[in-house]
């Protein structure tokens, strides 16, 4: 959080005195970054879905959706960690699921008891509910775009997260079969990718686990924090 917060301070002394004396800071205030009003840059609408392609820049943490050579949708994404990197290469979109849950990471549920854990470690007597990953667009087996918190640092297990308010739009814009090119950088980083809206709500607490195991994050994705 430190690198994303600005601190402004006022001098306690008049300017003339301050020039002759050590600077004394009387009051400081923390200024949080402002959440963008929209989490994507849009340019027109897609008229020919068969002509849609996607580029992803891992260094810029950005996704670019094109119709032919025209950029239609540009947004920030969260990327995989060094230990669980996002795959690089050329892929095709497939297995689009608007109500996807993780088959690997989620919760152990027994009555009112809800414990985070991997499905492979499910204790006896508990049921498993996967972590919500709505508006899923798979590009490699086990890897896909989906709604979630968009952190400014590598954070995922290799998937590409889109802000919850725009994941559905991306899902509807990118058809199955669309080419998805993922690389460390893209030429667009220096042009249309320079001023992408960056979410600032990534560190807000998730909704309670009792909410995340329900249909709420799948039915009301834009309202639920996860």
C-alpha atoms as a PDB file:
ATOM      1  CA  UNK A   1       0.000   0.000   0.000  1.00  0.00           C
ATOM      2  CA  UNK A   2       2.832   2.464   0.783  1.00  0.00           C
ATOM      3  CA  UNK A   3       3.801   3.135  -2.802  1.00  0.00           C
ATOM      4  CA  UNK A   4       0.205   3.959  -3.711  1.00  0.00           C
ATOM      5  CA  UNK A   5      -0.435   6.543  -0.969  1.00  0.00           C
ATOM      6  CA  UNK A   6       0.606  10.185  -1.080  1.00  0.00           C
ATOM      7  CA  UNK A   7       1.250  12.181   2.091  1.00  0.00           C
ATOM      8  CA  UNK A   8       0.933  15.960   2.106  1.00  0.00           C
ATOM      9  CA  UNK A   9       2.068  18.151   5.008  1.00  0.00           C
ATOM     10  CA  UNK A  10       1.878  21.818   6.053  1.00  0.00           C
ATOM     11  CA  UNK A  11       4.669  23.820   7.695  1.00  0.00           C
ATOM     12  CA  UNK A  12       4.040  24.992  11.232  1.00  0.00           C
ATOM     13  CA  UNK A  13       6.182  28.119  10.786  1.00  0.00           C
ATOM     14  CA  UNK A  14       5.823  31.155   8.540  1.00  0.00           C
ATOM     15  CA  UNK A  15       7.847  30.865   5.369  1.00  0.00           C
ATOM     16  CA  UNK A  16      10.541  33.329   6.486  1.00  0.00           C
ATOM     17  CA  UNK A  17      11.074  31.489   9.753  1.00  0.00           C
ATOM     18  CA  UNK A  18      10.982  28.132   8.047  1.00  0.00           C
ATOM     19  CA  UNK A  19      13.810  29.152   5.758  1.00  0.00           C
ATOM     20  CA  UNK A  20      16.034  29.833   8.784  1.00  0.00           C
ATOM     21  CA  UNK A  21      14.934  26.950  10.964  1.00  0.00           C
ATOM     22  CA  UNK A  22      14.636  23.179  10.647  1.00  0.00           C
ATOM     23  CA  UNK A  23      11.422  22.227   8.967  1.00  0.00           C
ATOM     24  CA  UNK A  24       8.748  21.276  11.457  1.00  0.00           C
ATOM     25  CA  UNK A  25       5.740  19.394  10.189  1.00  0.00           C
ATOM     26  CA  UNK A  26       2.672  20.348  12.156  1.00  0.00           C
ATOM     27  CA  UNK A  27       0.031  18.341  10.384  1.00  0.00           C
ATOM     28  CA  UNK A  28       0.060  15.673   7.746  1.00  0.00           C
ATOM     29  CA  UNK A  29      -2.781  13.982   5.982  1.00  0.00           C
ATOM     30  CA  UNK A  30      -2.854  10.799   3.967  1.00  0.00           C
ATOM     31  CA  UNK A  31      -4.419  11.143   0.545  1.00  0.00           C
ATOM     32  CA  UNK A  32      -5.759   7.853  -0.796  1.00  0.00           C
ATOM     33  CA  UNK A  33      -5.735   7.363  -4.577  1.00  0.00           C
ATOM     34  CA  UNK A  34      -9.077   8.011  -6.206  1.00  0.00           C
ATOM     35  CA  UNK A  35     -10.993   5.075  -7.648  1.00  0.00           C
ATOM     36  CA  UNK A  36     -11.519   5.596 -11.417  1.00  0.00           C
ATOM     37  CA  UNK A  37     -15.132   6.134 -12.439  1.00  0.00           C
ATOM     38  CA  UNK A  38     -14.797   3.388 -15.056  1.00  0.00           C
ATOM     39  CA  UNK A  39     -12.455   0.419 -15.037  1.00  0.00           C
ATOM     40  CA  UNK A  40     -12.016   0.244 -18.820  1.00  0.00           C
ATOM     41  CA  UNK A  41     -11.309   2.432 -21.830  1.00  0.00           C
ATOM     42  CA  UNK A  42     -13.798   1.800 -24.618  1.00  0.00           C
ATOM     43  CA  UNK A  43     -13.657   2.730 -28.279  1.00  0.00           C
ATOM     44  CA  UNK A  44     -16.811   1.982 -30.234  1.00  0.00           C
ATOM     45  CA  UNK A  45     -18.656  -1.327 -30.181  1.00  0.00           C
ATOM     46  CA  UNK A  46     -17.897  -4.706 -31.675  1.00  0.00           C
ATOM     47  CA  UNK A  47     -19.891  -5.328 -34.855  1.00  0.00           C
ATOM     48  CA  UNK A  48     -18.146  -8.511 -36.025  1.00  0.00           C
ATOM     49  CA  UNK A  49     -17.312 -10.869 -33.119  1.00  0.00           C
ATOM     50  CA  UNK A  50     -15.506 -13.212 -35.513  1.00  0.00           C
ATOM     51  CA  UNK A  51     -12.904 -10.463 -35.979  1.00  0.00           C
ATOM     52  CA  UNK A  52     -12.137 -10.043 -32.258  1.00  0.00           C
ATOM     53  CA  UNK A  53      -8.684 -10.778 -30.852  1.00  0.00           C
ATOM     54  CA  UNK A  54      -7.031 -10.175 -27.466  1.00  0.00           C
ATOM     55  CA  UNK A  55      -3.564  -9.125 -26.383  1.00  0.00           C
ATOM     56  CA  UNK A  56      -2.228  -9.200 -22.820  1.00  0.00           C
ATOM     57  CA  UNK A  57       0.854  -7.397 -21.507  1.00  0.00           C
ATOM     58  CA  UNK A  58       2.127  -8.857 -18.248  1.00  0.00           C
ATOM     59  CA  UNK A  59       4.572  -6.004 -17.596  1.00  0.00           C
ATOM     60  CA  UNK A  60       1.829  -3.408 -18.060  1.00  0.00           C
ATOM     61  CA  UNK A  61      -0.799  -5.612 -16.421  1.00  0.00           C
ATOM     62  CA  UNK A  62      -3.138  -4.782 -19.277  1.00  0.00           C
ATOM     63  CA  UNK A  63      -5.558  -6.452 -21.662  1.00  0.00           C
ATOM     64  CA  UNK A  64      -6.336  -5.067 -25.113  1.00  0.00           C
ATOM     65  CA  UNK A  65      -9.375  -6.262 -27.065  1.00  0.00           C
ATOM     66  CA  UNK A  66      -9.306  -5.570 -30.796  1.00  0.00           C
ATOM     67  CA  UNK A  67     -11.798  -5.822 -33.600  1.00  0.00           C
ATOM     68  CA  UNK A  68      -9.492  -6.159 -36.555  1.00  0.00           C
ATOM     69  CA  UNK A  69      -6.930  -3.412 -35.977  1.00  0.00           C
ATOM     70  CA  UNK A  70      -9.254  -1.215 -33.924  1.00  0.00           C
ATOM     71  CA  UNK A  71      -8.902  -1.310 -30.127  1.00  0.00           C
ATOM     72  CA  UNK A  72     -12.349  -1.684 -28.558  1.00  0.00           C
ATOM     73  CA  UNK A  73     -11.642  -2.338 -24.865  1.00  0.00           C
ATOM     74  CA  UNK A  74      -8.574  -1.687 -22.676  1.00  0.00           C
ATOM     75  CA  UNK A  75      -8.352  -2.541 -18.988  1.00  0.00           C
ATOM     76  CA  UNK A  76      -6.055  -3.475 -16.134  1.00  0.00           C
ATOM     77  CA  UNK A  77      -5.628  -7.105 -15.101  1.00  0.00           C
ATOM     78  CA  UNK A  78      -4.118  -8.912 -12.138  1.00  0.00           C
ATOM     79  CA  UNK A  79      -1.434 -11.418 -13.137  1.00  0.00           C
ATOM     80  CA  UNK A  80       0.183 -14.564 -11.758  1.00  0.00           C
ATOM     81  CA  UNK A  81       2.965 -14.609  -9.180  1.00  0.00           C
ATOM     82  CA  UNK A  82       6.530 -15.708 -10.005  1.00  0.00           C
ATOM     83  CA  UNK A  83       5.781 -19.104  -8.450  1.00  0.00           C
ATOM     84  CA  UNK A  84       2.464 -19.413 -10.326  1.00  0.00           C
ATOM     85  CA  UNK A  85       3.061 -17.355 -13.483  1.00  0.00           C
ATOM     86  CA  UNK A  86       0.521 -16.529 -16.146  1.00  0.00           C
ATOM     87  CA  UNK A  87       1.307 -18.620 -19.237  1.00  0.00           C
ATOM     88  CA  UNK A  88       2.916 -16.851 -22.185  1.00  0.00           C
ATOM     89  CA  UNK A  89       2.029 -17.703 -25.763  1.00  0.00           C
ATOM     90  CA  UNK A  90      -0.796 -17.742 -28.299  1.00  0.00           C
ATOM     91  CA  UNK A  91      -4.071 -19.292 -27.179  1.00  0.00           C
ATOM     92  CA  UNK A  92      -7.752 -19.524 -28.109  1.00  0.00           C
ATOM     93  CA  UNK A  93     -10.691 -18.583 -25.885  1.00  0.00           C
ATOM     94  CA  UNK A  94     -12.843 -21.567 -24.885  1.00  0.00           C
ATOM     95  CA  UNK A  95     -15.027 -22.959 -22.111  1.00  0.00           C
ATOM     96  CA  UNK A  96     -16.791 -19.702 -21.297  1.00  0.00           C
ATOM     97  CA  UNK A  97     -18.686 -20.025 -18.009  1.00  0.00           C
ATOM     98  CA  UNK A  98     -20.561 -17.096 -16.482  1.00  0.00           C
ATOM     99  CA  UNK A  99     -20.965 -18.841 -13.086  1.00  0.00           C
ATOM    100  CA  UNK A 100     -17.604 -20.540 -12.613  1.00  0.00           C
ATOM    101  CA  UNK A 101     -16.152 -21.635  -9.257  1.00  0.00           C
ATOM    102  CA  UNK A 102     -12.623 -22.856  -8.628  1.00  0.00           C
ATOM    103  CA  UNK A 103     -12.120 -26.595  -8.602  1.00  0.00           C
ATOM    104  CA  UNK A 104      -8.872 -26.193  -6.633  1.00  0.00           C
ATOM    105  CA  UNK A 105      -9.221 -23.377  -4.075  1.00  0.00           C
ATOM    106  CA  UNK A 106     -12.280 -22.685  -1.984  1.00  0.00           C
ATOM    107  CA  UNK A 107     -13.925 -23.450   1.334  1.00  0.00           C
ATOM    108  CA  UNK A 108     -14.647 -26.426   3.575  1.00  0.00           C
ATOM    109  CA  UNK A 109     -18.232 -26.089   4.791  1.00  0.00           C
ATOM    110  CA  UNK A 110     -19.984 -27.879   7.657  1.00  0.00           C
ATOM    111  CA  UNK A 111     -23.006 -26.133   9.116  1.00  0.00           C
ATOM    112  CA  UNK A 112     -21.940 -22.595   9.985  1.00  0.00           C
ATOM    113  CA  UNK A 113     -18.249 -23.497   9.907  1.00  0.00           C
ATOM    114  CA  UNK A 114     -16.471 -22.223   6.780  1.00  0.00           C
ATOM    115  CA  UNK A 115     -12.717 -22.815   6.413  1.00  0.00           C
ATOM    116  CA  UNK A 116     -10.549 -21.751   3.436  1.00  0.00           C
ATOM    117  CA  UNK A 117      -8.619 -24.590   1.843  1.00  0.00           C
ATOM    118  CA  UNK A 118      -7.672 -26.613  -1.218  1.00  0.00           C
ATOM    119  CA  UNK A 119     -10.114 -29.172  -2.510  1.00  0.00           C
ATOM    120  CA  UNK A 120      -7.424 -31.836  -2.339  1.00  0.00           C
ATOM    121  CA  UNK A 121      -7.301 -31.448   1.451  1.00  0.00           C
ATOM    122  CA  UNK A 122     -11.050 -31.649   2.111  1.00  0.00           C
ATOM    123  CA  UNK A 123     -11.578 -33.062   5.650  1.00  0.00           C
ATOM    124  CA  UNK A 124     -14.102 -35.815   6.261  1.00  0.00           C
ATOM    125  CA  UNK A 125     -17.558 -34.517   7.087  1.00  0.00           C
ATOM    126  CA  UNK A 126     -17.152 -31.241   5.169  1.00  0.00           C
ATOM    127  CA  UNK A 127     -18.438 -30.211   1.745  1.00  0.00           C
ATOM    128  CA  UNK A 128     -16.357 -28.205  -0.707  1.00  0.00           C
ATOM    129  CA  UNK A 129     -17.461 -24.902  -2.280  1.00  0.00           C
ATOM    130  CA  UNK A 130     -15.065 -23.388  -4.804  1.00  0.00           C
ATOM    131  CA  UNK A 131     -13.946 -19.778  -4.686  1.00  0.00           C
ATOM    132  CA  UNK A 132     -16.078 -17.611  -7.013  1.00  0.00           C
ATOM    133  CA  UNK A 133     -14.551 -16.963 -10.453  1.00  0.00           C
ATOM    134  CA  UNK A 134     -17.511 -15.577 -12.433  1.00  0.00           C
ATOM    135  CA  UNK A 135     -17.400 -14.557 -16.099  1.00  0.00           C
ATOM    136  CA  UNK A 136     -14.741 -17.167 -16.831  1.00  0.00           C
ATOM    137  CA  UNK A 137     -13.034 -17.156 -20.247  1.00  0.00           C
ATOM    138  CA  UNK A 138     -10.501 -19.982 -20.394  1.00  0.00           C
ATOM    139  CA  UNK A 139      -7.421 -19.664 -22.615  1.00  0.00           C
ATOM    140  CA  UNK A 140      -5.370 -22.662 -21.422  1.00  0.00           C
ATOM    141  CA  UNK A 141      -6.578 -25.621 -19.403  1.00  0.00           C
ATOM    142  CA  UNK A 142      -6.906 -24.367 -15.827  1.00  0.00           C
ATOM    143  CA  UNK A 143      -6.158 -20.736 -16.732  1.00  0.00           C
ATOM    144  CA  UNK A 144      -8.625 -18.032 -17.645  1.00  0.00           C
ATOM    145  CA  UNK A 145      -9.901 -14.488 -17.312  1.00  0.00           C
ATOM    146  CA  UNK A 146     -12.412 -13.972 -14.507  1.00  0.00           C
ATOM    147  CA  UNK A 147     -13.768 -11.354 -12.114  1.00  0.00           C
ATOM    148  CA  UNK A 148     -11.750 -10.620  -8.993  1.00  0.00           C
ATOM    149  CA  UNK A 149      -9.587  -8.118  -7.155  1.00  0.00           C
ATOM    150  CA  UNK A 150      -7.097  -6.406  -9.500  1.00  0.00           C
ATOM    151  CA  UNK A 151      -3.921  -5.913  -7.472  1.00  0.00           C
ATOM    152  CA  UNK A 152      -1.006  -3.722  -8.659  1.00  0.00           C
ATOM    153  CA  UNK A 153       1.430  -6.569  -7.940  1.00  0.00           C
ATOM    154  CA  UNK A 154       1.463 -10.210  -9.135  1.00  0.00           C
ATOM    155  CA  UNK A 155      -1.223 -11.927  -7.082  1.00  0.00           C
ATOM    156  CA  UNK A 156      -3.008 -14.796  -8.843  1.00  0.00           C
ATOM    157  CA  UNK A 157      -2.295 -18.486  -9.402  1.00  0.00           C
ATOM    158  CA  UNK A 158      -1.779 -17.704 -13.085  1.00  0.00           C
ATOM    159  CA  UNK A 159      -5.242 -16.527 -14.066  1.00  0.00           C
ATOM    160  CA  UNK A 160      -5.970 -13.007 -15.301  1.00  0.00           C
ATOM    161  CA  UNK A 161      -8.420 -11.121 -13.109  1.00  0.00           C
ATOM    162  CA  UNK A 162     -10.619  -8.304 -14.359  1.00  0.00           C
ATOM    163  CA  UNK A 163     -12.374  -5.825 -12.098  1.00  0.00           C
ATOM    164  CA  UNK A 164     -15.769  -7.129 -11.046  1.00  0.00           C
ATOM    165  CA  UNK A 165     -17.545  -4.195 -12.747  1.00  0.00           C
ATOM    166  CA  UNK A 166     -16.202  -5.000 -16.239  1.00  0.00           C
ATOM    167  CA  UNK A 167     -15.662  -8.778 -16.271  1.00  0.00           C
ATOM    168  CA  UNK A 168     -19.098  -9.436 -17.752  1.00  0.00           C
ATOM    169  CA  UNK A 169     -18.460  -6.919 -20.535  1.00  0.00           C
ATOM    170  CA  UNK A 170     -15.193  -8.647 -21.449  1.00  0.00           C
ATOM    171  CA  UNK A 171     -16.929 -12.040 -21.310  1.00  0.00           C
ATOM    172  CA  UNK A 172     -19.606 -10.913 -23.735  1.00  0.00           C
ATOM    173  CA  UNK A 173     -17.131  -9.203 -26.076  1.00  0.00           C
ATOM    174  CA  UNK A 174     -14.690 -12.096 -26.524  1.00  0.00           C
ATOM    175  CA  UNK A 175     -16.173 -15.104 -28.362  1.00  0.00           C
ATOM    176  CA  UNK A 176     -15.011 -18.679 -28.105  1.00  0.00           C
ATOM    177  CA  UNK A 177     -12.230 -19.205 -30.617  1.00  0.00           C
ATOM    178  CA  UNK A 178     -10.842 -15.671 -30.357  1.00  0.00           C
ATOM    179  CA  UNK A 179      -7.040 -15.510 -30.439  1.00  0.00           C
ATOM    180  CA  UNK A 180      -5.412 -14.472 -27.144  1.00  0.00           C
ATOM    181  CA  UNK A 181      -1.752 -13.464 -27.272  1.00  0.00           C
ATOM    182  CA  UNK A 182       0.013 -13.146 -23.911  1.00  0.00           C
ATOM    183  CA  UNK A 183       3.545 -11.784 -23.610  1.00  0.00           C
ATOM    184  CA  UNK A 184       5.734  -9.790 -21.258  1.00  0.00           C
ATOM    185  CA  UNK A 185       4.987  -6.624 -23.249  1.00  0.00           C
ATOM    186  CA  UNK A 186       2.938  -5.426 -26.221  1.00  0.00           C
ATOM    187  CA  UNK A 187       3.524  -2.512 -28.644  1.00  0.00           C
ATOM    188  CA  UNK A 188       0.319  -0.909 -27.336  1.00  0.00           C
ATOM    189  CA  UNK A 189       1.880  -0.429 -23.886  1.00  0.00           C
ATOM    190  CA  UNK A 190       3.597   2.743 -25.116  1.00  0.00           C
ATOM    191  CA  UNK A 191       0.464   4.204 -26.728  1.00  0.00           C
ATOM    192  CA  UNK A 192      -3.078   3.249 -25.765  1.00  0.00           C
ATOM    193  CA  UNK A 193      -1.832   1.375 -22.712  1.00  0.00           C
ATOM    194  CA  UNK A 194      -0.218   4.346 -20.993  1.00  0.00           C
ATOM    195  CA  UNK A 195      -3.239   5.672 -19.104  1.00  0.00           C
ATOM    196  CA  UNK A 196      -5.287   2.612 -18.227  1.00  0.00           C
ATOM    197  CA  UNK A 197      -7.669   3.031 -15.261  1.00  0.00           C
ATOM    198  CA  UNK A 198      -6.181   1.207 -12.271  1.00  0.00           C
ATOM    199  CA  UNK A 199      -8.515  -0.068  -9.536  1.00  0.00           C
ATOM    200  CA  UNK A 200      -7.756   1.112  -6.015  1.00  0.00           C
ATOM    201  CA  UNK A 201     -10.198  -1.125  -4.122  1.00  0.00           C
ATOM    202  CA  UNK A 202      -8.068  -4.263  -4.363  1.00  0.00           C
ATOM    203  CA  UNK A 203      -7.190  -4.315  -0.653  1.00  0.00           C
ATOM    204  CA  UNK A 204     -10.716  -3.841   0.654  1.00  0.00           C
ATOM    205  CA  UNK A 205     -11.839  -6.819   2.774  1.00  0.00           C
ATOM    206  CA  UNK A 206     -13.739  -9.577   1.018  1.00  0.00           C
ATOM    207  CA  UNK A 207     -17.373 -10.088   1.837  1.00  0.00           C
ATOM    208  CA  UNK A 208     -17.831 -12.677   4.607  1.00  0.00           C
ATOM    209  CA  UNK A 209     -17.223 -16.299   3.687  1.00  0.00           C
ATOM    210  CA  UNK A 210     -20.895 -16.951   4.432  1.00  0.00           C
ATOM    211  CA  UNK A 211     -21.667 -14.697   1.436  1.00  0.00           C
ATOM    212  CA  UNK A 212     -18.968 -16.052  -0.872  1.00  0.00           C
ATOM    213  CA  UNK A 213     -20.310 -19.607  -0.678  1.00  0.00           C
ATOM    214  CA  UNK A 214     -23.752 -18.445  -1.847  1.00  0.00           C
ATOM    215  CA  UNK A 215     -24.862 -17.426  -5.348  1.00  0.00           C
ATOM    216  CA  UNK A 216     -24.389 -13.733  -4.508  1.00  0.00           C
ATOM    217  CA  UNK A 217     -20.931 -13.303  -6.125  1.00  0.00           C
ATOM    218  CA  UNK A 218     -22.221 -15.084  -9.234  1.00  0.00           C
ATOM    219  CA  UNK A 219     -25.545 -13.250  -9.466  1.00  0.00           C
ATOM    220  CA  UNK A 220     -24.349  -9.805  -8.292  1.00  0.00           C
ATOM    221  CA  UNK A 221     -20.675  -9.851  -9.234  1.00  0.00           C
ATOM    222  CA  UNK A 222     -20.284  -6.072  -9.455  1.00  0.00           C
ATOM    223  CA  UNK A 223     -21.546  -5.617  -5.868  1.00  0.00           C
ATOM    224  CA  UNK A 224     -19.655  -8.342  -4.011  1.00  0.00           C
ATOM    225  CA  UNK A 225     -16.031  -8.020  -2.907  1.00  0.00           C
ATOM    226  CA  UNK A 226     -13.863 -11.114  -3.416  1.00  0.00           C
END
